Amino acid sequence: MENIVTSLISCNKIITKKPHREMYPDKQSPIILRNDFECKSEDGEYEFSVFMRKSTAIENLFSIGLRVEAKSFPNGSKEHIGLTILRCNGAHEHTNSVTNKNKFDGFHIHTLEDHQFIKGLDDRIDAELTNDYNNFNKALHYFLVSCGISNYGKFFSRIDMLQQTLMESDNRDN
């Protein structure tokens, strides 16, 4: 049986509140660029928000995350709560604290565990190293596809063009 969090991450979604055309400075930190958008599952049952943060000082320091904003959860809660269920991060040092104590430095992906989701806890999310991306644009493309956001091309057409160029470049190098 597929787990709850994996189902929420991979369910087909459509963007309902579009992102800004460009990332913009974060009011709380002058070296951080940000952007956000909202989406919902195609069946209308779940609402999600997406956040993107990127450092202007350190190239590969970024975070792209998916939060579920649902009115009801499998545990019976009727409260409107939000939980970060997935985060694609840039290269920085991280130490896991929930399921193991693995420490590493590199591009990594945080995925909420089902037991954390059921309890409504997203303050500590373990991560795994990834080779699926090595910069912000590739991470964004990976994120949009992995999260099943079907209409992202309307808002991120440059990402598709960039990804195609990168794939063609990779093929020429091999």
N, C-alpha and C. Protein backbone atom coordinates (compact mmCIF):
# COMPACT_ATOMS: atom_id res chain seq x y z
N MET A 1 0.83 -1.19 0.00
CA MET A 1 0.00 0.00 0.00
C MET A 1 0.88 1.25 0.00
N GLU A 2 0.55 2.19 -0.87
CA GLU A 2 1.31 3.44 -0.94
C GLU A 2 1.02 4.25 0.32
N ASN A 3 2.06 4.92 0.85
CA ASN A 3 1.84 5.66 2.08
C ASN A 3 1.14 7.00 1.83
N ILE A 4 0.63 7.59 2.89
CA ILE A 4 -0.16 8.82 2.81
C ILE A 4 0.64 9.95 2.20
N VAL A 5 1.83 10.20 2.72
CA VAL A 5 2.64 11.33 2.25
C VAL A 5 3.03 11.17 0.78
N THR A 6 3.46 9.97 0.41
CA THR A 6 3.82 9.73 -0.99
C THR A 6 2.63 9.98 -1.90
N SER A 7 1.44 9.56 -1.47
CA SER A 7 0.22 9.80 -2.27
C SER A 7 -0.05 11.28 -2.44
N LEU A 8 0.12 12.05 -1.36
CA LEU A 8 -0.11 13.49 -1.43
C LEU A 8 0.91 14.19 -2.32
N ILE A 9 2.16 13.76 -2.24
CA ILE A 9 3.21 14.36 -3.06
C ILE A 9 2.95 14.08 -4.54
N SER A 10 2.61 12.85 -4.86
CA SER A 10 2.54 12.46 -6.27
C SER A 10 1.18 12.67 -6.93
N CYS A 11 0.15 13.00 -6.16
CA CYS A 11 -1.17 13.17 -6.79
C CYS A 11 -1.13 14.32 -7.80
N ASN A 12 -1.93 14.19 -8.85
CA ASN A 12 -1.95 15.24 -9.88
C ASN A 12 -2.51 16.53 -9.31
N LYS A 13 -1.82 17.63 -9.62
CA LYS A 13 -2.19 18.94 -9.10
C LYS A 13 -2.23 19.97 -10.22
N ILE A 14 -3.01 21.04 -9.98
CA ILE A 14 -3.03 22.17 -10.90
C ILE A 14 -2.78 23.45 -10.10
N ILE A 15 -2.06 24.38 -10.72
CA ILE A 15 -1.77 25.66 -10.07
C ILE A 15 -3.03 26.51 -10.07
N THR A 16 -3.39 27.02 -8.88
CA THR A 16 -4.60 27.83 -8.73
C THR A 16 -4.27 29.30 -8.45
N LYS A 17 -3.14 29.56 -7.86
CA LYS A 17 -2.67 30.93 -7.62
C LYS A 17 -1.24 30.98 -8.15
N LYS A 18 -1.06 31.69 -9.23
CA LYS A 18 0.20 31.63 -9.96
C LYS A 18 1.35 32.31 -9.20
N PRO A 19 2.56 31.86 -9.50
CA PRO A 19 3.75 32.50 -8.91
C PRO A 19 4.01 33.85 -9.59
N HIS A 20 4.83 34.67 -8.95
CA HIS A 20 5.29 35.90 -9.60
C HIS A 20 6.15 35.52 -10.80
N ARG A 21 6.25 36.41 -11.76
CA ARG A 21 7.06 36.13 -12.96
C ARG A 21 8.52 35.92 -12.61
N GLU A 22 9.01 36.62 -11.63
CA GLU A 22 10.41 36.52 -11.20
C GLU A 22 10.45 36.35 -9.68
N MET A 23 11.52 35.76 -9.20
CA MET A 23 11.72 35.71 -7.76
C MET A 23 11.98 37.13 -7.28
N TYR A 24 11.60 37.42 -6.05
CA TYR A 24 11.71 38.78 -5.52
C TYR A 24 12.35 38.73 -4.13
N PRO A 25 12.95 39.86 -3.69
CA PRO A 25 13.64 39.87 -2.39
C PRO A 25 12.68 39.58 -1.23
N ASP A 26 13.16 38.78 -0.30
CA ASP A 26 12.41 38.48 0.91
C ASP A 26 12.51 39.68 1.84
N LYS A 27 11.40 40.09 2.42
CA LYS A 27 11.38 41.27 3.31
C LYS A 27 12.21 41.05 4.58
N GLN A 28 12.35 39.80 5.00
CA GLN A 28 13.06 39.50 6.24
C GLN A 28 14.56 39.32 6.05
N SER A 29 15.00 39.07 4.82
CA SER A 29 16.43 38.87 4.58
C SER A 29 16.79 39.41 3.20
N PRO A 30 17.68 40.39 3.14
CA PRO A 30 18.03 41.00 1.85
C PRO A 30 18.81 40.08 0.91
N ILE A 31 19.34 38.97 1.41
CA ILE A 31 20.11 38.07 0.53
C ILE A 31 19.30 36.87 0.04
N ILE A 32 18.00 36.85 0.37
CA ILE A 32 17.13 35.74 -0.03
C ILE A 32 16.12 36.22 -1.06
N LEU A 33 16.02 35.45 -2.16
CA LEU A 33 14.95 35.66 -3.14
C LEU A 33 13.87 34.63 -2.87
N ARG A 34 12.63 35.00 -3.14
CA ARG A 34 11.53 34.09 -2.85
C ARG A 34 10.47 34.13 -3.94
N ASN A 35 9.64 33.11 -3.95
CA ASN A 35 8.46 33.06 -4.79
C ASN A 35 7.56 31.99 -4.19
N ASP A 36 6.26 32.10 -4.44
CA ASP A 36 5.29 31.18 -3.88
C ASP A 36 4.16 30.99 -4.88
N PHE A 37 3.48 29.87 -4.78
CA PHE A 37 2.24 29.69 -5.52
C PHE A 37 1.39 28.65 -4.81
N GLU A 38 0.14 28.54 -5.23
CA GLU A 38 -0.79 27.58 -4.63
C GLU A 38 -1.30 26.64 -5.70
N CYS A 39 -1.63 25.44 -5.29
CA CYS A 39 -2.20 24.46 -6.21
C CYS A 39 -3.18 23.58 -5.44
N LYS A 40 -3.95 22.80 -6.19
CA LYS A 40 -4.88 21.87 -5.55
C LYS A 40 -4.82 20.55 -6.31
N SER A 41 -5.23 19.49 -5.63
CA SER A 41 -5.29 18.20 -6.30
C SER A 41 -6.37 18.29 -7.37
N GLU A 42 -6.19 17.54 -8.45
CA GLU A 42 -7.15 17.61 -9.54
C GLU A 42 -8.55 17.18 -9.11
N ASP A 43 -8.63 16.34 -8.07
CA ASP A 43 -9.95 15.94 -7.57
C ASP A 43 -10.54 16.97 -6.61
N GLY A 44 -9.77 18.02 -6.30
CA GLY A 44 -10.25 19.10 -5.45
C GLY A 44 -10.23 18.81 -3.96
N GLU A 45 -9.76 17.63 -3.58
CA GLU A 45 -9.80 17.25 -2.17
C GLU A 45 -8.73 17.95 -1.33
N TYR A 46 -7.56 18.22 -1.90
CA TYR A 46 -6.46 18.80 -1.13
C TYR A 46 -5.98 20.10 -1.75
N GLU A 47 -5.58 21.00 -0.88
CA GLU A 47 -4.98 22.26 -1.30
C GLU A 47 -3.52 22.25 -0.84
N PHE A 48 -2.65 22.85 -1.67
CA PHE A 48 -1.22 22.87 -1.39
C PHE A 48 -0.67 24.27 -1.59
N SER A 49 0.42 24.55 -0.91
CA SER A 49 1.17 25.76 -1.19
C SER A 49 2.61 25.35 -1.46
N VAL A 50 3.25 26.10 -2.32
CA VAL A 50 4.64 25.83 -2.69
C VAL A 50 5.46 27.07 -2.37
N PHE A 51 6.61 26.84 -1.75
CA PHE A 51 7.52 27.96 -1.47
C PHE A 51 8.85 27.69 -2.13
N MET A 52 9.47 28.77 -2.59
CA MET A 52 10.80 28.71 -3.20
C MET A 52 11.64 29.80 -2.54
N ARG A 53 12.82 29.42 -2.05
CA ARG A 53 13.74 30.37 -1.45
C ARG A 53 15.13 30.10 -2.04
N LYS A 54 15.85 31.17 -2.31
CA LYS A 54 17.16 31.03 -2.95
C LYS A 54 18.08 32.14 -2.44
N SER A 55 19.28 31.76 -2.03
CA SER A 55 20.26 32.73 -1.56
C SER A 55 20.93 33.44 -2.74
N THR A 56 21.13 34.74 -2.59
CA THR A 56 21.88 35.47 -3.61
C THR A 56 23.37 35.47 -3.28
N ALA A 57 23.70 35.07 -2.05
CA ALA A 57 25.10 35.07 -1.62
C ALA A 57 25.80 33.73 -1.88
N ILE A 58 25.04 32.63 -1.75
CA ILE A 58 25.61 31.29 -1.92
C ILE A 58 24.78 30.58 -2.99
N GLU A 59 25.39 30.31 -4.13
CA GLU A 59 24.67 29.83 -5.32
C GLU A 59 23.79 28.61 -5.08
N ASN A 60 24.30 27.60 -4.41
CA ASN A 60 23.54 26.36 -4.26
C ASN A 60 22.83 26.23 -2.91
N LEU A 61 22.53 27.35 -2.30
CA LEU A 61 21.76 27.36 -1.06
C LEU A 61 20.33 27.76 -1.41
N PHE A 62 19.42 26.77 -1.40
CA PHE A 62 18.03 27.03 -1.77
C PHE A 62 17.13 25.97 -1.15
N SER A 63 15.83 26.26 -1.19
CA SER A 63 14.84 25.32 -0.70
C SER A 63 13.56 25.50 -1.52
N ILE A 64 12.97 24.39 -1.95
CA ILE A 64 11.71 24.39 -2.68
C ILE A 64 10.82 23.39 -1.95
N GLY A 65 9.68 23.86 -1.44
CA GLY A 65 8.88 22.98 -0.60
C GLY A 65 7.41 22.91 -0.95
N LEU A 66 6.81 21.79 -0.57
CA LEU A 66 5.39 21.54 -0.77
C LEU A 66 4.72 21.38 0.58
N ARG A 67 3.71 22.22 0.82
CA ARG A 67 2.90 22.12 2.05
C ARG A 67 1.50 21.69 1.67
N VAL A 68 0.95 20.76 2.44
CA VAL A 68 -0.44 20.37 2.22
C VAL A 68 -1.30 21.19 3.19
N GLU A 69 -2.34 21.77 2.63
CA GLU A 69 -3.28 22.59 3.40
C GLU A 69 -4.63 21.90 3.23
N ALA A 70 -4.93 20.92 4.08
CA ALA A 70 -6.15 20.14 3.89
C ALA A 70 -7.12 20.35 5.04
N LYS A 71 -8.40 20.30 4.73
CA LYS A 71 -9.42 20.51 5.75
C LYS A 71 -9.69 19.24 6.57
N SER A 72 -9.29 18.11 6.05
CA SER A 72 -9.45 16.87 6.82
C SER A 72 -8.30 15.92 6.48
N PHE A 73 -7.89 15.18 7.48
CA PHE A 73 -6.79 14.23 7.34
C PHE A 73 -7.26 12.86 7.78
N PRO A 74 -6.50 11.82 7.43
CA PRO A 74 -6.88 10.46 7.83
C PRO A 74 -7.04 10.28 9.34
N ASN A 75 -6.40 11.11 10.15
CA ASN A 75 -6.52 10.96 11.61
C ASN A 75 -7.81 11.58 12.16
N GLY A 76 -8.67 12.11 11.28
CA GLY A 76 -9.95 12.62 11.70
C GLY A 76 -9.97 14.09 12.08
N SER A 77 -8.83 14.75 12.06
CA SER A 77 -8.79 16.17 12.42
C SER A 77 -9.57 16.98 11.40
N LYS A 78 -10.41 17.86 11.86
CA LYS A 78 -11.17 18.73 10.97
C LYS A 78 -10.56 20.13 10.93
N GLU A 79 -9.48 20.33 11.64
CA GLU A 79 -8.83 21.64 11.66
C GLU A 79 -8.14 21.90 10.33
N HIS A 80 -8.07 23.17 9.97
CA HIS A 80 -7.34 23.54 8.76
C HIS A 80 -5.88 23.75 9.17
N ILE A 81 -5.05 22.76 8.85
CA ILE A 81 -3.63 22.85 9.22
C ILE A 81 -2.78 22.72 7.97
N GLY A 82 -1.54 23.09 8.08
CA GLY A 82 -0.61 22.94 6.97
C GLY A 82 0.65 22.25 7.43
N LEU A 83 1.13 21.32 6.61
CA LEU A 83 2.35 20.59 6.93
C LEU A 83 3.26 20.56 5.71
N THR A 84 4.53 20.82 5.92
CA THR A 84 5.51 20.68 4.84
C THR A 84 5.78 19.19 4.69
N ILE A 85 5.48 18.66 3.49
CA ILE A 85 5.64 17.22 3.28
C ILE A 85 6.83 16.89 2.39
N LEU A 86 7.35 17.88 1.66
CA LEU A 86 8.50 17.65 0.79
C LEU A 86 9.30 18.93 0.67
N ARG A 87 10.63 18.80 0.71
CA ARG A 87 11.52 19.94 0.50
C ARG A 87 12.73 19.48 -0.30
N CYS A 88 12.96 20.13 -1.43
CA CYS A 88 14.17 19.89 -2.23
C CYS A 88 15.15 20.99 -1.87
N ASN A 89 16.26 20.61 -1.28
CA ASN A 89 17.24 21.59 -0.80
C ASN A 89 18.52 21.56 -1.60
N GLY A 90 19.19 22.68 -1.56
CA GLY A 90 20.50 22.80 -2.18
C GLY A 90 21.55 22.11 -1.34
N ALA A 91 22.80 22.37 -1.69
CA ALA A 91 23.93 21.72 -1.02
C ALA A 91 24.31 22.49 0.24
N HIS A 92 24.08 21.86 1.36
CA HIS A 92 24.56 22.35 2.66
C HIS A 92 24.59 21.18 3.62
N GLU A 93 25.24 21.38 4.75
CA GLU A 93 25.36 20.30 5.72
C GLU A 93 24.02 20.06 6.40
N HIS A 94 23.70 18.79 6.59
CA HIS A 94 22.45 18.40 7.25
C HIS A 94 22.70 17.16 8.10
N THR A 95 22.06 17.11 9.26
CA THR A 95 22.10 15.93 10.11
C THR A 95 20.68 15.48 10.39
N ASN A 96 20.36 14.23 10.06
CA ASN A 96 19.04 13.69 10.34
C ASN A 96 18.85 13.53 11.84
N SER A 97 17.60 13.58 12.28
CA SER A 97 17.35 13.44 13.72
C SER A 97 16.13 12.60 14.06
N VAL A 98 15.41 12.11 13.06
CA VAL A 98 14.19 11.35 13.34
C VAL A 98 14.45 9.85 13.25
N THR A 99 14.79 9.34 12.08
CA THR A 99 14.96 7.90 11.91
C THR A 99 16.40 7.44 12.05
N ASN A 100 17.33 8.33 11.83
CA ASN A 100 18.75 8.00 11.98
C ASN A 100 19.52 9.29 12.25
N LYS A 101 20.78 9.18 12.45
CA LYS A 101 21.62 10.35 12.75
C LYS A 101 22.60 10.62 11.62
N ASN A 102 22.25 10.22 10.38
CA ASN A 102 23.13 10.44 9.24
C ASN A 102 23.44 11.92 9.07
N LYS A 103 24.72 12.19 8.81
CA LYS A 103 25.17 13.55 8.59
C LYS A 103 25.83 13.59 7.21
N PHE A 104 25.49 14.61 6.42
CA PHE A 104 26.07 14.72 5.08
C PHE A 104 26.06 16.16 4.62
N ASP A 105 26.74 16.40 3.53
CA ASP A 105 26.81 17.73 2.93
C ASP A 105 26.58 17.56 1.44
N GLY A 106 25.48 18.08 0.94
CA GLY A 106 25.17 17.96 -0.48
C GLY A 106 23.71 18.28 -0.76
N PHE A 107 23.33 18.14 -2.02
CA PHE A 107 21.93 18.34 -2.42
C PHE A 107 21.11 17.22 -1.80
N HIS A 108 19.97 17.57 -1.22
CA HIS A 108 19.18 16.56 -0.53
C HIS A 108 17.69 16.87 -0.56
N ILE A 109 16.90 15.83 -0.29
CA ILE A 109 15.44 15.92 -0.32
C ILE A 109 14.89 15.47 1.03
N HIS A 110 14.07 16.32 1.63
CA HIS A 110 13.37 16.02 2.88
C HIS A 110 11.97 15.51 2.54
N THR A 111 11.58 14.38 3.12
CA THR A 111 10.22 13.86 2.94
C THR A 111 9.65 13.52 4.31
N LEU A 112 8.49 14.08 4.61
CA LEU A 112 7.83 13.82 5.88
C LEU A 112 7.45 12.34 5.98
N GLU A 113 7.58 11.77 7.14
CA GLU A 113 7.18 10.38 7.39
C GLU A 113 5.69 10.34 7.71
N ASP A 114 5.03 9.23 7.39
CA ASP A 114 3.60 9.11 7.68
C ASP A 114 3.28 9.33 9.16
N HIS A 115 4.08 8.76 10.06
CA HIS A 115 3.78 8.90 11.49
C HIS A 115 3.87 10.36 11.93
N GLN A 116 4.74 11.16 11.28
CA GLN A 116 4.81 12.58 11.58
C GLN A 116 3.57 13.30 11.03
N PHE A 117 3.17 12.93 9.83
CA PHE A 117 1.99 13.53 9.21
C PHE A 117 0.75 13.30 10.07
N ILE A 118 0.56 12.07 10.51
CA ILE A 118 -0.62 11.72 11.31
C ILE A 118 -0.65 12.51 12.62
N LYS A 119 0.53 12.74 13.20
CA LYS A 119 0.61 13.51 14.44
C LYS A 119 0.63 15.03 14.20
N GLY A 120 0.73 15.44 12.93
CA GLY A 120 0.76 16.87 12.63
C GLY A 120 2.10 17.52 12.92
N LEU A 121 3.17 16.76 12.81
CA LEU A 121 4.51 17.27 13.13
C LEU A 121 5.35 17.41 11.87
N ASP A 122 5.86 18.61 11.61
CA ASP A 122 6.78 18.78 10.47
C ASP A 122 7.99 19.61 10.85
N ASP A 123 8.26 19.69 12.16
CA ASP A 123 9.38 20.52 12.60
C ASP A 123 10.75 19.89 12.34
N ARG A 124 10.81 18.58 12.26
CA ARG A 124 12.07 17.88 11.97
C ARG A 124 11.80 16.83 10.90
N ILE A 125 12.40 17.02 9.73
CA ILE A 125 12.19 16.08 8.64
C ILE A 125 13.54 15.57 8.16
N ASP A 126 13.73 14.25 8.23
CA ASP A 126 14.97 13.67 7.75
C ASP A 126 15.10 13.86 6.24
N ALA A 127 16.31 13.67 5.74
CA ALA A 127 16.58 13.89 4.32
C ALA A 127 17.47 12.78 3.78
N GLU A 128 17.49 12.70 2.45
CA GLU A 128 18.39 11.79 1.75
C GLU A 128 19.13 12.57 0.69
N LEU A 129 20.40 12.24 0.50
CA LEU A 129 21.17 12.85 -0.58
C LEU A 129 20.54 12.51 -1.92
N THR A 130 20.70 13.40 -2.90
CA THR A 130 20.15 13.14 -4.22
C THR A 130 21.14 13.53 -5.31
N ASN A 131 21.07 12.80 -6.40
CA ASN A 131 21.80 13.15 -7.63
C ASN A 131 20.83 13.60 -8.71
N ASP A 132 19.55 13.80 -8.33
CA ASP A 132 18.52 14.17 -9.30
C ASP A 132 18.63 15.62 -9.76
N TYR A 133 19.37 16.44 -9.06
CA TYR A 133 19.58 17.83 -9.46
C TYR A 133 20.88 18.33 -8.84
N ASN A 134 21.42 19.39 -9.43
CA ASN A 134 22.66 19.98 -8.91
C ASN A 134 22.66 21.51 -8.99
N ASN A 135 21.48 22.09 -9.18
CA ASN A 135 21.32 23.54 -9.11
C ASN A 135 19.83 23.85 -8.93
N PHE A 136 19.52 25.12 -8.72
CA PHE A 136 18.14 25.51 -8.43
C PHE A 136 17.19 25.17 -9.57
N ASN A 137 17.54 25.51 -10.80
CA ASN A 137 16.62 25.27 -11.92
C ASN A 137 16.33 23.79 -12.13
N LYS A 138 17.34 22.95 -12.01
CA LYS A 138 17.11 21.51 -12.14
C LYS A 138 16.28 21.00 -10.97
N ALA A 139 16.52 21.55 -9.77
CA ALA A 139 15.71 21.16 -8.61
C ALA A 139 14.25 21.56 -8.79
N LEU A 140 14.02 22.75 -9.33
CA LEU A 140 12.66 23.21 -9.55
C LEU A 140 11.95 22.30 -10.56
N HIS A 141 12.63 21.97 -11.63
CA HIS A 141 12.04 21.07 -12.63
C HIS A 141 11.73 19.71 -12.00
N TYR A 142 12.68 19.16 -11.27
CA TYR A 142 12.48 17.88 -10.57
C TYR A 142 11.27 17.97 -9.65
N PHE A 143 11.18 19.05 -8.88
CA PHE A 143 10.10 19.25 -7.93
C PHE A 143 8.74 19.30 -8.63
N LEU A 144 8.64 20.11 -9.67
CA LEU A 144 7.36 20.28 -10.39
C LEU A 144 6.87 18.96 -10.98
N VAL A 145 7.79 18.19 -11.55
CA VAL A 145 7.42 16.89 -12.14
C VAL A 145 7.09 15.88 -11.04
N SER A 146 7.93 15.80 -10.02
CA SER A 146 7.71 14.84 -8.93
C SER A 146 6.40 15.08 -8.19
N CYS A 147 6.01 16.35 -8.09
CA CYS A 147 4.78 16.71 -7.38
C CYS A 147 3.55 16.64 -8.27
N GLY A 148 3.70 16.22 -9.52
CA GLY A 148 2.54 16.04 -10.39
C GLY A 148 1.81 17.31 -10.74
N ILE A 149 2.52 18.42 -10.80
CA ILE A 149 1.88 19.71 -11.12
C ILE A 149 1.74 19.80 -12.63
N SER A 150 0.56 19.45 -13.12
CA SER A 150 0.37 19.22 -14.56
C SER A 150 0.41 20.49 -15.40
N ASN A 151 0.04 21.62 -14.86
CA ASN A 151 0.00 22.85 -15.67
C ASN A 151 1.18 23.78 -15.40
N TYR A 152 2.28 23.26 -14.90
CA TYR A 152 3.41 24.13 -14.57
C TYR A 152 4.01 24.81 -15.79
N GLY A 153 3.86 24.23 -16.97
CA GLY A 153 4.43 24.81 -18.19
C GLY A 153 3.88 26.19 -18.51
N LYS A 154 2.66 26.49 -18.08
CA LYS A 154 2.08 27.82 -18.30
C LYS A 154 2.84 28.90 -17.53
N PHE A 155 3.45 28.52 -16.42
CA PHE A 155 4.09 29.48 -15.52
C PHE A 155 5.60 29.34 -15.48
N PHE A 156 6.11 28.21 -15.90
CA PHE A 156 7.54 27.94 -15.83
C PHE A 156 8.07 27.46 -17.17
N SER A 157 7.67 28.09 -18.26
CA SER A 157 8.07 27.63 -19.59
C SER A 157 9.58 27.69 -19.77
N ARG A 158 10.23 28.68 -19.14
CA ARG A 158 11.69 28.77 -19.26
C ARG A 158 12.38 27.59 -18.61
N ILE A 159 11.78 27.02 -17.58
CA ILE A 159 12.35 25.84 -16.91
C ILE A 159 12.37 24.67 -17.90
N ASP A 160 11.27 24.46 -18.63
CA ASP A 160 11.23 23.38 -19.62
C ASP A 160 12.28 23.58 -20.69
N MET A 161 12.41 24.80 -21.18
CA MET A 161 13.42 25.07 -22.21
C MET A 161 14.82 24.84 -21.66
N LEU A 162 15.06 25.30 -20.44
CA LEU A 162 16.36 25.10 -19.81
C LEU A 162 16.64 23.61 -19.62
N GLN A 163 15.64 22.86 -19.13
CA GLN A 163 15.82 21.44 -18.90
C GLN A 163 16.14 20.72 -20.21
N GLN A 164 15.44 21.07 -21.28
CA GLN A 164 15.70 20.45 -22.58
C GLN A 164 17.13 20.74 -23.03
N THR A 165 17.57 21.99 -22.86
CA THR A 165 18.93 22.37 -23.23
C THR A 165 19.95 21.59 -22.41
N LEU A 166 19.67 21.44 -21.11
CA LEU A 166 20.59 20.70 -20.24
C LEU A 166 20.66 19.23 -20.63
N MET A 167 19.50 18.62 -20.97
CA MET A 167 19.50 17.22 -21.39
C MET A 167 20.26 17.02 -22.69
N GLU A 168 20.08 17.95 -23.62
CA GLU A 168 20.81 17.86 -24.90
C GLU A 168 22.31 18.01 -24.65
N SER A 169 22.68 18.91 -23.74
CA SER A 169 24.09 19.10 -23.40
C SER A 169 24.66 17.84 -22.76
N ASP A 170 23.90 17.23 -21.83
CA ASP A 170 24.34 15.99 -21.19
C ASP A 170 24.54 14.89 -22.21
N ASN A 171 23.63 14.78 -23.19
CA ASN A 171 23.73 13.75 -24.22
C ASN A 171 24.97 13.96 -25.10
N ARG A 172 25.30 15.21 -25.38
CA ARG A 172 26.50 15.50 -26.20
C ARG A 172 27.77 15.14 -25.43
N ASP A 173 27.72 15.29 -24.10
CA ASP A 173 28.91 15.00 -23.29
C ASP A 173 29.18 13.52 -23.19
N ASN A 174 28.17 12.68 -23.37
CA ASN A 174 28.36 11.21 -23.22
C ASN A 174 28.80 10.55 -24.48
